[in-house]
């Protein structure tokens, strides 16, 4: 059976993974702990996998692509929307380090419980957590250095820009593209679009 190290090596060779801190996170936070036992043999296939409740754990190369563009720094405060079984939250928690903080949001109650349990293995300082998402998108009234969304919105959710610090970055799928937004000022956002991706829909 292929290992997480072999999968990471493949993504490094392909150029999908480049940053040392993200490579280290992928090697430290093994995907097998976030995949249902019934499909454990498919853990290291570079494909999305069902985690129940009509949700998936994202394709590893897609997660790598999004994290590379999110440009998370040590000590950042990060919002992870659509945390699922907790893999992206755990990866982000590893990257931000002991001085950082990650808030994972998930709408499906069963996955909130599952994600919390999975996260405990990789969250020794309790600086990262997963909670049930509210009626409004994100955590209105709070500010983050980075926001990652792992489900596809029908249109660009402008309300997330108010939750982003200046110089912060939002990475989000919209329709079949991944967008990277960099907040230049309170009134200006820079946009980049990358085509050709498929995600489960973002519901809020």
N, C-alpha and C. Protein backbone atom coordinates (compact mmCIF):
# COMPACT_ATOMS: atom_id res chain seq x y z
N UNK A 1 0.85 -1.20 0.00
CA UNK A 1 0.00 0.00 0.00
C UNK A 1 0.88 1.25 0.00
N UNK A 2 0.57 2.19 -0.87
CA UNK A 2 1.34 3.43 -0.95
C UNK A 2 1.24 4.21 0.35
N UNK A 3 2.28 4.93 0.69
CA UNK A 3 2.31 5.71 1.92
C UNK A 3 2.05 7.20 1.64
N UNK A 4 1.83 7.95 2.72
CA UNK A 4 1.65 9.39 2.59
C UNK A 4 2.93 10.02 2.06
N UNK A 5 4.07 9.48 2.48
CA UNK A 5 5.35 10.02 2.01
C UNK A 5 5.47 9.87 0.49
N UNK A 6 5.03 8.72 -0.04
CA UNK A 6 5.10 8.49 -1.48
C UNK A 6 4.18 9.45 -2.22
N UNK A 7 2.98 9.67 -1.68
CA UNK A 7 2.04 10.61 -2.30
C UNK A 7 2.62 12.02 -2.30
N UNK A 8 3.20 12.42 -1.19
CA UNK A 8 3.81 13.76 -1.10
C UNK A 8 4.95 13.89 -2.09
N UNK A 9 5.78 12.85 -2.19
CA UNK A 9 6.90 12.89 -3.14
C UNK A 9 6.39 13.08 -4.57
N UNK A 10 5.30 12.41 -4.91
CA UNK A 10 4.72 12.56 -6.25
C UNK A 10 4.27 14.00 -6.50
N UNK A 11 3.66 14.61 -5.49
CA UNK A 11 3.19 15.99 -5.65
C UNK A 11 4.34 16.98 -5.71
N UNK A 12 5.43 16.66 -5.03
CA UNK A 12 6.62 17.51 -5.11
C UNK A 12 7.22 17.44 -6.51
N UNK A 13 7.34 16.23 -7.05
CA UNK A 13 7.90 16.03 -8.38
C UNK A 13 7.05 16.73 -9.44
N UNK A 14 5.72 16.67 -9.27
CA UNK A 14 4.82 17.30 -10.24
C UNK A 14 4.80 18.82 -10.14
N UNK A 15 5.35 19.34 -9.02
CA UNK A 15 5.36 20.79 -8.81
C UNK A 15 4.14 21.30 -8.08
N UNK A 16 3.21 20.41 -7.74
CA UNK A 16 2.00 20.83 -7.03
C UNK A 16 2.32 21.28 -5.61
N UNK A 17 3.29 20.61 -4.98
CA UNK A 17 3.77 21.00 -3.66
C UNK A 17 5.15 21.61 -3.80
N UNK A 18 5.35 22.80 -3.21
CA UNK A 18 6.62 23.48 -3.34
C UNK A 18 7.17 24.02 -2.02
N UNK A 19 6.29 24.52 -1.16
CA UNK A 19 6.73 25.19 0.07
C UNK A 19 7.14 24.17 1.14
N UNK A 20 8.32 24.32 1.72
CA UNK A 20 8.80 23.36 2.73
C UNK A 20 7.82 23.17 3.89
N UNK A 21 7.20 24.26 4.36
CA UNK A 21 6.31 24.14 5.51
C UNK A 21 5.03 23.37 5.16
N UNK A 22 4.57 23.48 3.91
CA UNK A 22 3.38 22.74 3.49
C UNK A 22 3.73 21.27 3.25
N UNK A 23 4.88 21.03 2.66
CA UNK A 23 5.36 19.65 2.46
C UNK A 23 5.47 18.95 3.82
N UNK A 24 6.04 19.65 4.79
CA UNK A 24 6.20 19.09 6.13
C UNK A 24 4.84 18.78 6.75
N UNK A 25 3.85 19.67 6.54
CA UNK A 25 2.51 19.44 7.09
C UNK A 25 1.87 18.20 6.49
N UNK A 26 2.00 18.03 5.17
CA UNK A 26 1.43 16.85 4.51
C UNK A 26 2.07 15.57 5.04
N UNK A 27 3.35 15.60 5.31
CA UNK A 27 4.03 14.41 5.82
C UNK A 27 3.66 14.13 7.28
N UNK A 28 3.39 15.18 8.03
CA UNK A 28 3.08 15.02 9.46
C UNK A 28 1.63 14.67 9.72
N UNK A 29 0.73 15.14 8.86
CA UNK A 29 -0.71 14.96 9.07
C UNK A 29 -1.22 13.95 8.05
N UNK A 30 -1.14 12.68 8.40
CA UNK A 30 -1.45 11.59 7.47
C UNK A 30 -2.95 11.57 7.16
N UNK A 31 -3.26 11.53 5.86
CA UNK A 31 -4.66 11.53 5.41
C UNK A 31 -5.44 10.32 5.93
N UNK A 32 -4.76 9.23 6.26
CA UNK A 32 -5.46 8.00 6.65
C UNK A 32 -6.32 8.20 7.89
N UNK A 33 -5.96 9.16 8.74
CA UNK A 33 -6.72 9.38 9.97
C UNK A 33 -8.03 10.15 9.72
N UNK A 34 -8.24 10.59 8.48
CA UNK A 34 -9.42 11.41 8.16
C UNK A 34 -10.31 10.75 7.12
N UNK A 35 -9.97 9.50 6.76
CA UNK A 35 -10.71 8.73 5.76
C UNK A 35 -11.46 7.60 6.46
N UNK A 36 -12.74 7.35 6.09
CA UNK A 36 -13.48 6.24 6.71
C UNK A 36 -12.77 4.90 6.53
N UNK A 37 -12.87 4.03 7.53
CA UNK A 37 -12.22 2.72 7.48
C UNK A 37 -12.67 1.91 6.28
N UNK A 38 -13.90 2.12 5.84
CA UNK A 38 -14.45 1.32 4.74
C UNK A 38 -13.75 1.56 3.41
N UNK A 39 -13.04 2.68 3.29
CA UNK A 39 -12.33 2.99 2.03
C UNK A 39 -10.86 3.29 2.29
N UNK A 40 -10.34 2.75 3.38
CA UNK A 40 -8.97 3.08 3.79
C UNK A 40 -7.94 2.71 2.73
N UNK A 41 -8.25 1.70 1.90
CA UNK A 41 -7.29 1.28 0.87
C UNK A 41 -7.10 2.34 -0.22
N UNK A 42 -8.01 3.30 -0.26
CA UNK A 42 -7.93 4.36 -1.28
C UNK A 42 -7.31 5.65 -0.72
N UNK A 43 -6.83 5.61 0.51
CA UNK A 43 -6.34 6.80 1.19
C UNK A 43 -5.35 7.62 0.37
N UNK A 44 -4.40 6.94 -0.26
CA UNK A 44 -3.31 7.65 -0.92
C UNK A 44 -3.49 7.77 -2.43
N UNK A 45 -4.72 7.55 -2.89
CA UNK A 45 -5.06 7.84 -4.28
C UNK A 45 -5.28 9.35 -4.38
N UNK A 46 -4.77 9.96 -5.42
CA UNK A 46 -4.94 11.41 -5.58
C UNK A 46 -6.32 11.71 -6.16
N UNK A 47 -7.32 11.56 -5.30
CA UNK A 47 -8.71 11.75 -5.71
C UNK A 47 -9.54 12.12 -4.50
N UNK A 48 -10.67 12.80 -4.71
CA UNK A 48 -11.58 13.05 -3.58
C UNK A 48 -12.23 11.75 -3.16
N UNK A 49 -12.53 11.61 -1.86
CA UNK A 49 -13.15 10.40 -1.34
C UNK A 49 -14.38 10.78 -0.51
N UNK A 50 -15.39 9.94 -0.54
CA UNK A 50 -16.60 10.18 0.23
C UNK A 50 -16.33 9.99 1.72
N UNK A 51 -16.84 10.93 2.52
CA UNK A 51 -16.74 10.80 3.98
C UNK A 51 -18.14 10.75 4.60
N UNK A 52 -19.14 10.48 3.74
CA UNK A 52 -20.52 10.37 4.20
C UNK A 52 -21.24 11.70 4.17
N UNK A 53 -22.56 11.65 4.32
CA UNK A 53 -23.40 12.84 4.36
C UNK A 53 -23.26 13.69 3.09
N UNK A 54 -23.02 13.02 1.95
CA UNK A 54 -22.85 13.68 0.66
C UNK A 54 -21.69 14.66 0.64
N UNK A 55 -20.68 14.40 1.46
CA UNK A 55 -19.50 15.24 1.53
C UNK A 55 -18.25 14.43 1.15
N UNK A 56 -17.20 15.13 0.78
CA UNK A 56 -15.96 14.45 0.41
C UNK A 56 -14.76 15.06 1.13
N UNK A 57 -13.70 14.26 1.25
CA UNK A 57 -12.40 14.78 1.63
C UNK A 57 -11.69 15.08 0.32
N UNK A 58 -11.19 16.28 0.18
CA UNK A 58 -10.71 16.77 -1.12
C UNK A 58 -9.50 16.00 -1.63
N UNK A 59 -9.33 16.06 -2.94
CA UNK A 59 -8.18 15.47 -3.62
C UNK A 59 -6.89 16.09 -3.08
N UNK A 60 -5.91 15.29 -2.68
CA UNK A 60 -4.68 15.83 -2.09
C UNK A 60 -4.00 16.90 -2.94
N UNK A 61 -3.91 16.70 -4.25
CA UNK A 61 -3.24 17.70 -5.09
C UNK A 61 -4.02 19.01 -5.14
N UNK A 62 -5.34 18.93 -5.02
CA UNK A 62 -6.15 20.15 -4.99
C UNK A 62 -5.94 20.89 -3.67
N UNK A 63 -5.89 20.13 -2.56
CA UNK A 63 -5.60 20.75 -1.26
C UNK A 63 -4.23 21.41 -1.29
N UNK A 64 -3.25 20.73 -1.87
CA UNK A 64 -1.90 21.29 -1.98
C UNK A 64 -1.93 22.59 -2.79
N UNK A 65 -2.64 22.58 -3.91
CA UNK A 65 -2.75 23.77 -4.76
C UNK A 65 -3.34 24.94 -3.99
N UNK A 66 -4.42 24.69 -3.24
CA UNK A 66 -5.08 25.75 -2.49
C UNK A 66 -4.20 26.28 -1.36
N UNK A 67 -3.52 25.37 -0.66
CA UNK A 67 -2.66 25.81 0.44
C UNK A 67 -1.46 26.60 -0.06
N UNK A 68 -0.91 26.21 -1.20
CA UNK A 68 0.20 26.98 -1.77
C UNK A 68 -0.24 28.41 -2.08
N UNK A 69 -1.44 28.58 -2.59
CA UNK A 69 -1.93 29.92 -2.93
C UNK A 69 -2.44 30.68 -1.70
N UNK A 70 -2.77 29.95 -0.63
CA UNK A 70 -3.21 30.62 0.59
C UNK A 70 -2.04 31.30 1.30
N UNK A 71 -0.83 30.78 1.09
CA UNK A 71 0.39 31.39 1.63
C UNK A 71 0.33 31.60 3.14
N UNK A 72 -0.09 30.58 3.85
CA UNK A 72 -0.20 30.66 5.31
C UNK A 72 1.18 30.83 5.94
N UNK A 73 1.25 31.71 6.92
CA UNK A 73 2.49 31.99 7.63
C UNK A 73 2.39 31.51 9.08
N UNK A 74 3.52 31.21 9.67
CA UNK A 74 3.55 30.84 11.09
C UNK A 74 2.96 31.98 11.92
N UNK A 75 2.07 31.64 12.83
CA UNK A 75 1.45 32.65 13.69
C UNK A 75 0.15 33.22 13.15
N UNK A 76 -0.25 32.83 11.94
CA UNK A 76 -1.49 33.36 11.35
C UNK A 76 -2.72 32.87 12.08
N UNK A 77 -3.78 33.68 11.98
CA UNK A 77 -5.12 33.27 12.38
C UNK A 77 -5.87 32.88 11.10
N UNK A 78 -6.36 31.64 11.06
CA UNK A 78 -6.93 31.10 9.83
C UNK A 78 -8.36 30.61 10.08
N UNK A 79 -9.23 30.86 9.12
CA UNK A 79 -10.60 30.34 9.13
C UNK A 79 -10.70 29.29 8.04
N UNK A 80 -11.12 28.08 8.41
CA UNK A 80 -11.25 26.96 7.49
C UNK A 80 -12.72 26.60 7.35
N UNK A 81 -13.35 27.03 6.26
CA UNK A 81 -14.79 26.83 6.06
C UNK A 81 -15.01 25.55 5.25
N UNK A 82 -15.80 24.63 5.83
CA UNK A 82 -16.04 23.34 5.20
C UNK A 82 -14.95 22.36 5.61
N UNK A 83 -14.77 22.22 6.92
CA UNK A 83 -13.64 21.44 7.45
C UNK A 83 -13.81 19.93 7.28
N UNK A 84 -15.05 19.46 7.03
CA UNK A 84 -15.27 18.05 6.78
C UNK A 84 -14.78 17.17 7.91
N UNK A 85 -13.95 16.19 7.59
CA UNK A 85 -13.44 15.28 8.61
C UNK A 85 -12.22 15.84 9.34
N UNK A 86 -11.81 17.07 8.99
CA UNK A 86 -10.79 17.78 9.76
C UNK A 86 -9.40 17.81 9.15
N UNK A 87 -9.22 17.23 7.96
CA UNK A 87 -7.86 17.15 7.40
C UNK A 87 -7.26 18.51 7.12
N UNK A 88 -8.00 19.38 6.42
CA UNK A 88 -7.45 20.71 6.11
C UNK A 88 -7.19 21.51 7.38
N UNK A 89 -8.07 21.40 8.36
CA UNK A 89 -7.88 22.11 9.62
C UNK A 89 -6.59 21.66 10.30
N UNK A 90 -6.34 20.34 10.29
CA UNK A 90 -5.13 19.81 10.91
C UNK A 90 -3.88 20.23 10.14
N UNK A 91 -3.94 20.22 8.82
CA UNK A 91 -2.81 20.69 8.01
C UNK A 91 -2.50 22.15 8.31
N UNK A 92 -3.53 22.98 8.35
CA UNK A 92 -3.36 24.40 8.64
C UNK A 92 -2.81 24.61 10.06
N UNK A 93 -3.29 23.80 10.99
CA UNK A 93 -2.84 23.89 12.38
C UNK A 93 -1.34 23.62 12.48
N UNK A 94 -0.88 22.65 11.71
CA UNK A 94 0.55 22.33 11.70
C UNK A 94 1.35 23.49 11.14
N UNK A 95 0.84 24.13 10.08
CA UNK A 95 1.58 25.21 9.42
C UNK A 95 1.66 26.46 10.28
N UNK A 96 0.58 26.83 10.95
CA UNK A 96 0.58 28.09 11.72
C UNK A 96 1.43 27.99 12.98
N UNK A 97 1.69 26.77 13.46
CA UNK A 97 2.55 26.60 14.61
C UNK A 97 1.90 26.96 15.94
N UNK A 98 2.72 26.97 16.99
CA UNK A 98 2.21 27.16 18.34
C UNK A 98 1.61 28.55 18.58
N UNK A 99 2.02 29.54 17.79
CA UNK A 99 1.53 30.91 18.00
C UNK A 99 0.33 31.23 17.11
N UNK A 100 -0.02 30.32 16.22
CA UNK A 100 -1.15 30.55 15.32
C UNK A 100 -2.44 29.97 15.87
N UNK A 101 -3.51 30.12 15.09
CA UNK A 101 -4.82 29.63 15.50
C UNK A 101 -5.65 29.32 14.27
N UNK A 102 -6.36 28.20 14.30
CA UNK A 102 -7.22 27.82 13.19
C UNK A 102 -8.63 27.52 13.70
N UNK A 103 -9.62 28.14 13.07
CA UNK A 103 -11.03 27.87 13.38
C UNK A 103 -11.64 27.13 12.21
N UNK A 104 -12.04 25.88 12.43
CA UNK A 104 -12.70 25.11 11.39
C UNK A 104 -14.21 25.20 11.55
N UNK A 105 -14.92 25.37 10.43
CA UNK A 105 -16.38 25.42 10.45
C UNK A 105 -16.94 24.31 9.57
N UNK A 106 -17.94 23.60 10.08
CA UNK A 106 -18.59 22.53 9.32
C UNK A 106 -20.09 22.54 9.61
N UNK A 107 -20.91 22.37 8.57
CA UNK A 107 -22.36 22.44 8.73
C UNK A 107 -22.97 21.10 9.16
N UNK A 108 -22.39 19.99 8.75
CA UNK A 108 -22.94 18.67 9.05
C UNK A 108 -22.52 18.24 10.46
N UNK A 109 -23.50 18.04 11.34
CA UNK A 109 -23.22 17.76 12.75
C UNK A 109 -22.33 16.53 12.93
N UNK A 110 -22.62 15.46 12.20
CA UNK A 110 -21.83 14.22 12.33
C UNK A 110 -20.37 14.46 11.97
N UNK A 111 -20.14 15.32 10.98
CA UNK A 111 -18.76 15.62 10.58
C UNK A 111 -18.07 16.55 11.57
N UNK A 112 -18.84 17.42 12.22
CA UNK A 112 -18.26 18.27 13.27
C UNK A 112 -17.67 17.38 14.36
N UNK A 113 -18.45 16.39 14.80
CA UNK A 113 -18.00 15.48 15.85
C UNK A 113 -16.81 14.66 15.38
N UNK A 114 -16.88 14.18 14.15
CA UNK A 114 -15.79 13.39 13.59
C UNK A 114 -14.52 14.22 13.45
N UNK A 115 -14.69 15.44 12.94
CA UNK A 115 -13.55 16.34 12.74
C UNK A 115 -12.88 16.69 14.06
N UNK A 116 -13.67 16.97 15.09
CA UNK A 116 -13.11 17.28 16.41
C UNK A 116 -12.27 16.11 16.93
N UNK A 117 -12.81 14.91 16.79
CA UNK A 117 -12.09 13.71 17.26
C UNK A 117 -10.79 13.52 16.50
N UNK A 118 -10.84 13.69 15.18
CA UNK A 118 -9.64 13.51 14.36
C UNK A 118 -8.58 14.56 14.65
N UNK A 119 -9.05 15.78 14.92
CA UNK A 119 -8.13 16.89 15.14
C UNK A 119 -7.32 16.75 16.42
N UNK A 120 -7.89 16.07 17.42
CA UNK A 120 -7.20 15.96 18.71
C UNK A 120 -5.83 15.29 18.56
N UNK A 121 -5.68 14.41 17.57
CA UNK A 121 -4.41 13.72 17.36
C UNK A 121 -3.29 14.68 16.96
N UNK A 122 -3.67 15.81 16.32
CA UNK A 122 -2.68 16.73 15.77
C UNK A 122 -2.75 18.13 16.39
N UNK A 123 -3.41 18.26 17.51
CA UNK A 123 -3.66 19.58 18.09
C UNK A 123 -3.30 19.58 19.57
N UNK A 124 -2.04 19.36 19.90
CA UNK A 124 -1.65 19.19 21.31
C UNK A 124 -1.82 20.44 22.16
N UNK A 125 -1.86 21.61 21.53
CA UNK A 125 -1.94 22.84 22.32
C UNK A 125 -3.34 23.45 22.33
N UNK A 126 -4.30 22.74 21.76
CA UNK A 126 -5.69 23.21 21.70
C UNK A 126 -5.80 24.60 21.10
N UNK A 127 -4.93 24.92 20.14
CA UNK A 127 -4.96 26.23 19.50
C UNK A 127 -5.78 26.20 18.22
N UNK A 128 -6.30 25.04 17.88
CA UNK A 128 -7.13 24.88 16.69
C UNK A 128 -8.40 24.13 17.09
N UNK A 129 -9.51 24.48 16.49
CA UNK A 129 -10.76 23.82 16.87
C UNK A 129 -11.70 23.77 15.67
N UNK A 130 -12.71 22.92 15.79
CA UNK A 130 -13.76 22.80 14.78
C UNK A 130 -15.10 22.99 15.48
N UNK A 131 -15.97 23.77 14.87
CA UNK A 131 -17.29 24.01 15.44
C UNK A 131 -18.33 23.97 14.33
N UNK A 132 -19.58 23.87 14.72
CA UNK A 132 -20.66 23.85 13.74
C UNK A 132 -20.86 25.25 13.15
N UNK A 133 -21.00 25.31 11.84
CA UNK A 133 -21.21 26.59 11.17
C UNK A 133 -22.57 27.16 11.52
N UNK A 134 -22.64 28.48 11.61
CA UNK A 134 -23.89 29.15 11.90
C UNK A 134 -24.68 29.45 10.63
N UNK A 135 -25.72 30.25 10.78
CA UNK A 135 -26.57 30.58 9.63
C UNK A 135 -25.87 31.50 8.65
N UNK A 136 -24.96 32.33 9.13
CA UNK A 136 -24.23 33.24 8.26
C UNK A 136 -22.87 32.64 7.90
N UNK A 137 -22.37 33.00 6.73
CA UNK A 137 -21.12 32.45 6.25
C UNK A 137 -19.93 32.96 7.06
N UNK A 138 -19.07 32.05 7.48
CA UNK A 138 -17.89 32.44 8.23
C UNK A 138 -18.20 32.74 9.68
N UNK A 139 -17.41 33.65 10.26
CA UNK A 139 -17.60 34.09 11.64
C UNK A 139 -17.67 35.62 11.64
N UNK A 140 -18.83 36.17 11.29
CA UNK A 140 -18.97 37.63 11.23
C UNK A 140 -18.55 38.31 12.52
N UNK A 141 -17.82 39.41 12.39
CA UNK A 141 -17.34 40.14 13.55
C UNK A 141 -15.93 39.78 13.94
N UNK A 142 -15.41 38.69 13.36
CA UNK A 142 -14.02 38.30 13.64
C UNK A 142 -13.17 38.53 12.39
N UNK A 143 -11.86 38.64 12.60
CA UNK A 143 -10.92 38.91 11.50
C UNK A 143 -9.85 37.81 11.44
N UNK A 144 -9.46 37.49 10.22
CA UNK A 144 -8.48 36.43 10.01
C UNK A 144 -7.42 36.89 9.00
N UNK A 145 -6.24 36.27 9.12
CA UNK A 145 -5.17 36.55 8.16
C UNK A 145 -5.36 35.75 6.88
N UNK A 146 -5.96 34.58 7.01
CA UNK A 146 -6.21 33.71 5.87
C UNK A 146 -7.57 33.05 6.03
N UNK A 147 -8.28 32.89 4.91
CA UNK A 147 -9.55 32.15 4.91
C UNK A 147 -9.51 31.14 3.77
N UNK A 148 -9.76 29.88 4.12
CA UNK A 148 -9.84 28.81 3.13
C UNK A 148 -11.27 28.28 3.10
N UNK A 149 -11.81 28.14 1.90
CA UNK A 149 -13.15 27.56 1.72
C UNK A 149 -13.01 26.32 0.85
N UNK A 150 -13.55 25.20 1.33
CA UNK A 150 -13.36 23.93 0.62
C UNK A 150 -14.64 23.40 -0.02
N UNK A 151 -15.58 24.30 -0.31
CA UNK A 151 -16.79 23.94 -1.04
C UNK A 151 -17.08 25.08 -2.02
N UNK A 152 -17.77 24.74 -3.10
CA UNK A 152 -17.94 25.70 -4.19
C UNK A 152 -19.15 26.62 -4.01
N UNK A 153 -18.89 27.93 -3.98
CA UNK A 153 -19.96 28.92 -3.92
C UNK A 153 -20.50 29.20 -5.32
N UNK A 154 -21.76 29.59 -5.40
CA UNK A 154 -22.36 29.93 -6.69
C UNK A 154 -21.83 31.27 -7.19
N UNK A 155 -21.52 32.16 -6.26
CA UNK A 155 -20.97 33.46 -6.60
C UNK A 155 -20.00 33.89 -5.50
N UNK A 156 -19.21 34.88 -5.80
CA UNK A 156 -18.20 35.33 -4.83
C UNK A 156 -18.89 35.88 -3.57
N UNK A 157 -18.64 35.29 -2.41
CA UNK A 157 -19.28 35.74 -1.17
C UNK A 157 -18.58 36.97 -0.59
N UNK A 158 -19.09 38.13 -0.93
CA UNK A 158 -18.48 39.40 -0.52
C UNK A 158 -18.36 39.53 1.00
N UNK A 159 -19.26 38.86 1.75
CA UNK A 159 -19.25 39.01 3.20
C UNK A 159 -17.97 38.48 3.84
N UNK A 160 -17.25 37.64 3.15
CA UNK A 160 -15.99 37.13 3.71
C UNK A 160 -14.88 38.17 3.69
N UNK A 161 -14.97 39.15 2.81
CA UNK A 161 -13.91 40.17 2.74
C UNK A 161 -13.86 41.00 4.01
N UNK A 162 -15.00 41.18 4.67
CA UNK A 162 -15.03 41.95 5.92
C UNK A 162 -14.45 41.15 7.08
N UNK A 163 -14.27 39.84 6.89
CA UNK A 163 -13.68 38.98 7.91
C UNK A 163 -12.18 38.76 7.67
N UNK A 164 -11.66 39.44 6.66
CA UNK A 164 -10.26 39.28 6.28
C UNK A 164 -9.45 40.52 6.64
N UNK A 165 -8.32 40.33 7.28
CA UNK A 165 -7.44 41.45 7.57
C UNK A 165 -6.85 42.02 6.29
N UNK A 166 -6.46 43.29 6.33
CA UNK A 166 -5.74 43.88 5.20
C UNK A 166 -4.44 43.10 5.00
N UNK A 167 -4.11 42.82 3.77
CA UNK A 167 -3.01 41.96 3.33
C UNK A 167 -3.32 40.48 3.53
N UNK A 168 -4.56 40.18 3.95
CA UNK A 168 -4.98 38.80 4.10
C UNK A 168 -5.35 38.18 2.77
N UNK A 169 -5.47 36.84 2.76
CA UNK A 169 -5.77 36.10 1.53
C UNK A 169 -6.95 35.17 1.75
N UNK A 170 -7.86 35.16 0.79
CA UNK A 170 -8.99 34.24 0.75
C UNK A 170 -8.83 33.35 -0.48
N UNK A 171 -8.89 32.02 -0.27
CA UNK A 171 -8.89 31.07 -1.38
C UNK A 171 -10.21 30.32 -1.33
N UNK A 172 -10.94 30.35 -2.45
CA UNK A 172 -12.29 29.80 -2.46
C UNK A 172 -12.67 29.30 -3.85
N UNK A 173 -13.32 28.13 -3.95
CA UNK A 173 -13.87 27.70 -5.23
C UNK A 173 -15.18 28.45 -5.51
N UNK A 174 -15.33 28.92 -6.73
CA UNK A 174 -16.58 29.52 -7.18
C UNK A 174 -16.89 28.88 -8.53
N UNK A 175 -18.05 28.19 -8.60
CA UNK A 175 -18.39 27.41 -9.79
C UNK A 175 -17.27 26.39 -10.03
N UNK A 176 -16.62 26.40 -11.18
CA UNK A 176 -15.58 25.43 -11.48
C UNK A 176 -14.18 26.05 -11.50
N UNK A 177 -14.02 27.15 -10.77
CA UNK A 177 -12.72 27.81 -10.66
C UNK A 177 -12.34 27.95 -9.19
N UNK A 178 -11.04 28.05 -8.95
CA UNK A 178 -10.55 28.44 -7.63
C UNK A 178 -10.08 29.88 -7.74
N UNK A 179 -10.55 30.72 -6.83
CA UNK A 179 -10.17 32.13 -6.81
C UNK A 179 -9.25 32.40 -5.62
N UNK A 180 -8.27 33.26 -5.86
CA UNK A 180 -7.42 33.78 -4.80
C UNK A 180 -7.66 35.28 -4.71
N UNK A 181 -8.11 35.73 -3.55
CA UNK A 181 -8.35 37.15 -3.32
C UNK A 181 -7.35 37.66 -2.28
N UNK A 182 -6.66 38.73 -2.60
CA UNK A 182 -5.74 39.37 -1.67
C UNK A 182 -6.30 40.74 -1.31
N UNK A 183 -6.51 40.98 -0.03
CA UNK A 183 -7.12 42.24 0.42
C UNK A 183 -6.05 43.32 0.49
N UNK A 184 -6.07 44.24 -0.44
CA UNK A 184 -5.08 45.30 -0.53
C UNK A 184 -5.35 46.41 0.48
N UNK A 185 -6.63 46.74 0.66
CA UNK A 185 -7.05 47.74 1.63
C UNK A 185 -8.49 47.40 2.02
N UNK A 186 -9.09 48.19 2.88
CA UNK A 186 -10.46 47.91 3.30
C UNK A 186 -11.45 48.03 2.14
N UNK A 187 -11.04 48.68 1.05
CA UNK A 187 -11.95 48.86 -0.08
C UNK A 187 -11.45 48.25 -1.39
N UNK A 188 -10.29 47.59 -1.35
CA UNK A 188 -9.71 47.07 -2.59
C UNK A 188 -9.24 45.63 -2.41
N UNK A 189 -9.67 44.77 -3.36
CA UNK A 189 -9.30 43.36 -3.34
C UNK A 189 -8.75 42.96 -4.70
N UNK A 190 -7.62 42.31 -4.69
CA UNK A 190 -7.00 41.82 -5.93
C UNK A 190 -7.44 40.38 -6.16
N UNK A 191 -7.76 40.02 -7.44
CA UNK A 191 -8.33 38.71 -7.75
C UNK A 191 -7.49 37.94 -8.76
N UNK A 192 -7.32 36.63 -8.50
CA UNK A 192 -6.73 35.72 -9.47
C UNK A 192 -7.68 34.53 -9.62
N UNK A 193 -7.81 34.00 -10.84
CA UNK A 193 -8.70 32.88 -11.09
C UNK A 193 -7.95 31.72 -11.73
N UNK A 194 -8.24 30.50 -11.23
CA UNK A 194 -7.63 29.29 -11.76
C UNK A 194 -8.76 28.33 -12.15
N UNK A 195 -8.78 27.91 -13.40
CA UNK A 195 -9.91 27.16 -13.94
C UNK A 195 -9.76 25.65 -13.78
N UNK A 196 -10.92 24.95 -13.84
CA UNK A 196 -10.92 23.51 -13.99
C UNK A 196 -10.96 22.68 -12.73
N UNK A 197 -11.82 23.04 -11.76
CA UNK A 197 -11.92 22.28 -10.51
C UNK A 197 -13.39 21.95 -10.22
N UNK A 198 -13.60 20.89 -9.45
CA UNK A 198 -14.95 20.49 -9.06
C UNK A 198 -15.00 20.26 -7.55
N UNK A 199 -15.97 20.87 -6.89
CA UNK A 199 -16.15 20.73 -5.44
C UNK A 199 -17.61 20.47 -5.13
N UNK A 200 -17.88 19.97 -3.91
CA UNK A 200 -19.25 19.91 -3.44
C UNK A 200 -19.72 21.35 -3.22
N UNK A 201 -21.04 21.59 -3.31
CA UNK A 201 -21.55 22.97 -3.18
C UNK A 201 -21.44 23.52 -1.77
N UNK A 202 -21.22 24.82 -1.68
CA UNK A 202 -21.19 25.53 -0.40
C UNK A 202 -22.63 25.93 -0.07
N UNK A 203 -23.12 25.48 1.08
CA UNK A 203 -24.49 25.76 1.51
C UNK A 203 -24.44 26.58 2.79
N UNK A 204 -25.14 27.72 2.78
CA UNK A 204 -25.23 28.54 4.01
C UNK A 204 -26.46 29.42 3.94
